[in-house]
Amino acid sequence: MNDAPPSSYVFRGCGTALVTPFAADGTVDDAAYRRLIRVQIEQGIDFLVPCGTTGETPTLTTGEHLRLVQIAVEESAAAPRRVPVLGGAGGNNTQHVIDMSRQLESLGVDGILSVAPYYNKPTQAGLYEHFAAIAAAVRTPIVLYNVPSRTASNLEAATTLRLAQIRNIIAIKEASGNLSQIGAVLASAPAGFAVLSGDDAMALPILALGGQGLVSVASNAIPAPMAMMVKLALEGDIVAARALHFRYLRLLEGNFIESSPGPVKYVLSRLGLCAPVYRLPMVPVQPATRERLDAILIELGLLE
């Protein structure tokens, strides 16, 4: 048995936080989901992230959640170019997250993305014990996910660095928007622990500070440009990466005019990749948002 620490670099580059397509009757649209995954792989995405919060996971049944992750694993394995799968398993019930993580591990995911508990507002000690318990329950690499705007709790740099000492906690997806905090993690993280941007518009500065990648919402619709921007930044060509960043910045920001994944699902519907169908409490975006997004897509040449 290999007891060497798992490498975070399996998730280096740009990964897509996959949306979950629904049919008109509200059921999961497996066919549209498979098509979306194939487009991602064909257009150069580096890894797949099924059933993160962009996938509307709070509204999925356990069976649907596992099936979606299984499809991602299947599609990756069948593709000419296999990409790693970082399956989502997060929540505010630690035991439930452990159970889900074990099931994802049995499906053969390459890693588990686990968001900080929401609503409970645990202390830093509680956050540490939550993630430490999950890590102790599985061998699969774990990527922490810090998104205070959604969870009402912030995984502080000191807590992240303490968790980074655990063998199979290999990275953090950072969406705090706090570059000082992110920089503190990058400055002191142990070798092999990676920081991934969890915010498309913040990806370039995080990469410039030493981040190793991005978990992207925008890449659902524009996988090739987002993958290229991250690749260029990682290769040190900041000028070329910056040009792509500014070219697509309005779309990156447009995806958050309303709560995600509302806007990106509308964009995908305009590109013919999935229907603009949501599960409550998510609803279709407002007419004004649709107009703004259409204008951005026309400006980018993605829509006539």
Foldseek 3Di string as FASTA:
>chain_A
DDPAFDFPLLPFFEEEADAFFADPVGHTDLVLLLVLLVVLVVLPGAEYEYQDVLNVNVPDDLVVLLVSLLSNCVSQVPDPHRHAYAYEQEEQPLVSSLVSLVSSVVSPHQEYEYEFYAPVQDDLVVSLVSVVVSVVSDVHAYEYEAACVGRVYGNFLVSVQVSLVRRRDQEYADDPPDVVRLLSNVVDHDPRRAYEHAALLCRLVSLLSPHRYYHDHCCSPVNNLRRVLSVCSNVVNSVVSVVSSVLCVLVSVLCVPDPPPQLSLLVCVQLVSHHNDDDPPDDHDDPVSSVSNQVSCVSSVNHD
